[in-house]
Amino acid sequence: MKAVLQRVKQASVSIEGETVGKISSGIMLLLGVTEEDTEKECDFLAEKAVNLRIFEDEAGKMNRSLLDAGGEMLVVSQFTLCADCRRGRRPSFTRAARPEKAIPLYERFIGNIREMGIPVSTGRFGADMLVSIENDGPVTILLDTDEIMARGEN
């Protein structure tokens, strides 16, 4: 599983001019599910995203998590995060999970975040979406469970 997290002042996602998800301060998270992903990667990534200390404390240091900061999360599915660009100029998306596998993991991820007490808004899986963000910092973090879990890091 791959994710791009951005600390935001606000973020929203719209489909055909209609806002379907919107948050104020928190994390905008783009989520890519690969064919190899399981519930294990899903659960690990949700825990990691919510507990990353990327929000500033009283001293201005990134020392607080989303839980500590009381923020929200906007989760948008994005299969293009699974692109393989090693050959040629056209990305290959063969590693991206098919909808019948990706949707349950995407929904599980969202459920995990909600169970941790984080207000969650979402896009719509498979839709053509416009995402608007006001990146705070800017702070942008890339997470790849293949890399993190292979090293045994938590």
Protein backbone atom coordinates (compact mmCIF):
# COMPACT_ATOMS: atom_id res chain seq x y z
CA MET A 1 0.00 0.00 0.00
CA LYS A 2 1.18 3.45 -0.80
CA ALA A 3 0.08 6.78 0.62
CA VAL A 4 0.86 10.43 0.15
CA LEU A 5 0.02 12.43 3.28
CA GLN A 6 -0.18 16.19 3.25
CA ARG A 7 -0.69 18.29 6.35
CA VAL A 8 -3.40 20.73 5.35
CA LYS A 9 -5.24 23.79 6.58
CA GLN A 10 -8.15 22.60 4.45
CA ALA A 11 -8.88 20.13 1.66
CA SER A 12 -11.83 19.10 -0.44
CA VAL A 13 -12.73 16.75 -3.26
CA SER A 14 -15.43 17.37 -5.84
CA ILE A 15 -17.03 15.32 -8.58
CA GLU A 16 -18.73 17.08 -11.50
CA GLY A 17 -18.86 20.35 -9.53
CA GLU A 18 -20.32 18.80 -6.35
CA THR A 19 -18.20 18.74 -3.18
CA VAL A 20 -18.32 15.17 -1.87
CA GLY A 21 -15.68 15.45 0.87
CA LYS A 22 -14.22 18.35 2.83
CA ILE A 23 -12.05 18.83 5.91
CA SER A 24 -10.46 21.67 7.80
CA SER A 25 -7.10 21.21 9.53
CA GLY A 26 -5.69 17.71 9.27
CA ILE A 27 -4.33 15.24 6.72
CA MET A 28 -5.15 14.85 3.04
CA LEU A 29 -4.27 11.23 2.23
CA LEU A 30 -4.04 9.74 -1.25
CA LEU A 31 -4.21 5.95 -1.02
CA GLY A 32 -2.94 3.41 -3.55
CA VAL A 33 -3.68 -0.31 -3.14
CA THR A 34 -1.50 -2.90 -4.88
CA GLU A 35 -2.37 -6.47 -5.83
CA GLU A 36 -0.07 -7.77 -3.07
CA ASP A 37 -1.72 -5.78 -0.27
CA THR A 38 -3.67 -7.47 2.51
CA GLU A 39 -5.50 -6.41 5.66
CA LYS A 40 -2.13 -6.47 7.44
CA GLU A 41 -0.75 -3.63 5.28
CA CYS A 42 -4.04 -1.77 5.53
CA ASP A 43 -4.12 -1.88 9.33
CA PHE A 44 -0.44 -0.99 9.61
CA LEU A 45 -0.75 2.03 7.30
CA ALA A 46 -3.84 3.39 9.07
CA GLU A 47 -2.07 3.21 12.43
CA LYS A 48 1.06 4.82 10.99
CA ALA A 49 -0.81 7.68 9.31
CA VAL A 50 -2.81 8.65 12.39
CA ASN A 51 0.20 8.52 14.72
CA LEU A 52 2.85 10.28 12.60
CA ARG A 53 4.05 13.31 14.52
CA ILE A 54 3.74 15.94 11.79
CA PHE A 55 1.80 18.64 13.65
CA GLU A 56 3.55 21.37 15.59
CA ASP A 57 3.56 21.57 19.36
CA GLU A 58 3.68 24.77 21.42
CA ALA A 59 7.41 25.11 20.66
CA GLY A 60 6.83 24.91 16.90
CA LYS A 61 8.34 21.42 16.57
CA MET A 62 6.61 18.63 14.66
CA ASN A 63 5.84 16.63 17.76
CA ARG A 64 2.08 15.99 17.64
CA SER A 65 0.07 13.36 15.78
CA LEU A 66 -3.29 13.80 14.08
CA LEU A 67 -4.84 12.30 17.22
CA ASP A 68 -3.00 14.81 19.42
CA ALA A 69 -3.92 17.74 17.16
CA GLY A 70 -7.59 16.79 16.94
CA GLY A 71 -7.54 17.01 13.14
CA GLU A 72 -9.56 15.41 10.39
CA MET A 73 -8.59 13.23 7.43
CA LEU A 74 -9.67 13.30 3.79
CA VAL A 75 -8.98 9.95 2.09
CA VAL A 76 -8.98 9.69 -1.69
CA SER A 77 -8.24 6.50 -3.61
CA GLN A 78 -5.51 6.94 -6.22
CA PHE A 79 -4.39 3.90 -8.19
CA THR A 80 -1.77 5.98 -10.01
CA LEU A 81 0.40 5.82 -6.87
CA CYS A 82 1.05 2.21 -7.89
CA ALA A 83 2.54 3.23 -11.24
CA ASP A 84 5.65 1.46 -12.47
CA CYS A 85 7.75 3.95 -14.43
CA ARG A 86 10.91 1.87 -14.81
CA ARG A 87 10.46 1.25 -18.54
CA GLY A 88 9.59 3.62 -21.32
CA ARG A 89 7.54 6.75 -20.93
CA ARG A 90 4.09 5.34 -20.30
CA PRO A 91 3.48 4.26 -16.69
CA SER A 92 2.29 0.71 -16.13
CA PHE A 93 -0.49 0.20 -13.61
CA THR A 94 -0.44 -3.59 -13.51
CA ARG A 95 0.54 -3.57 -9.81
CA ALA A 96 -2.57 -1.57 -8.88
CA ALA A 97 -5.24 -3.75 -7.31
CA ARG A 98 -8.42 -4.42 -9.27
CA PRO A 99 -11.54 -2.80 -7.76
CA GLU A 100 -12.84 -6.08 -6.30
CA LYS A 101 -9.70 -6.22 -4.12
CA ALA A 102 -8.98 -2.50 -3.69
CA ILE A 103 -12.44 -1.34 -2.58
CA PRO A 104 -12.66 -3.58 0.51
CA LEU A 105 -9.14 -2.52 1.60
CA TYR A 106 -9.91 1.16 0.92
CA GLU A 107 -13.09 0.85 3.02
CA ARG A 108 -11.25 -1.02 5.76
CA PHE A 109 -8.61 1.73 5.86
CA ILE A 110 -11.32 4.38 6.28
CA GLY A 111 -13.04 2.28 8.96
CA ASN A 112 -9.76 1.90 10.85
CA ILE A 113 -9.24 5.67 10.87
CA ARG A 114 -12.79 6.27 12.11
CA GLU A 115 -12.36 3.64 14.86
CA MET A 116 -9.38 5.65 16.11
CA GLY A 117 -11.69 8.63 16.60
CA ILE A 118 -10.66 10.66 13.57
CA PRO A 119 -13.40 12.41 11.56
CA VAL A 120 -13.01 11.16 7.97
CA SER A 121 -14.27 12.49 4.65
CA THR A 122 -13.69 10.67 1.38
CA GLY A 123 -13.78 10.92 -2.34
CA ARG A 124 -15.62 8.32 -4.42
CA PHE A 125 -13.70 5.22 -5.45
CA GLY A 126 -13.06 5.14 -9.21
CA ALA A 127 -14.57 8.56 -9.91
CA ASP A 128 -12.90 11.38 -11.81
CA MET A 129 -12.25 13.80 -8.93
CA LEU A 130 -10.88 17.28 -8.46
CA VAL A 131 -8.88 17.63 -5.25
CA SER A 132 -8.20 21.01 -3.70
CA ILE A 133 -5.72 21.42 -0.84
CA GLU A 134 -4.08 24.13 1.17
CA ASN A 135 -0.84 22.40 2.15
CA ASP A 136 0.36 23.54 5.58
CA GLY A 137 4.12 23.87 5.83
CA PRO A 138 4.30 22.47 3.22
CA VAL A 139 4.46 19.05 4.81
CA THR A 140 4.22 16.06 2.45
CA ILE A 141 5.12 12.50 3.49
CA LEU A 142 5.36 9.38 1.31
CA LEU A 143 4.54 6.03 2.93
CA ASP A 144 5.05 2.67 1.25
CA THR A 145 4.28 -0.43 3.30
CA ASP A 146 6.64 -2.49 1.11
CA GLU A 147 9.54 -0.33 2.26
CA ILE A 148 8.54 0.28 5.88
CA MET A 149 7.40 -3.24 6.74
CA ALA A 150 10.37 -4.89 4.97
CA ARG A 151 12.71 -3.08 7.35
CA GLY A 152 10.64 -4.10 10.35
CA GLU A 153 10.10 -0.46 11.29
CA ASN A 154 6.98 0.73 13.05
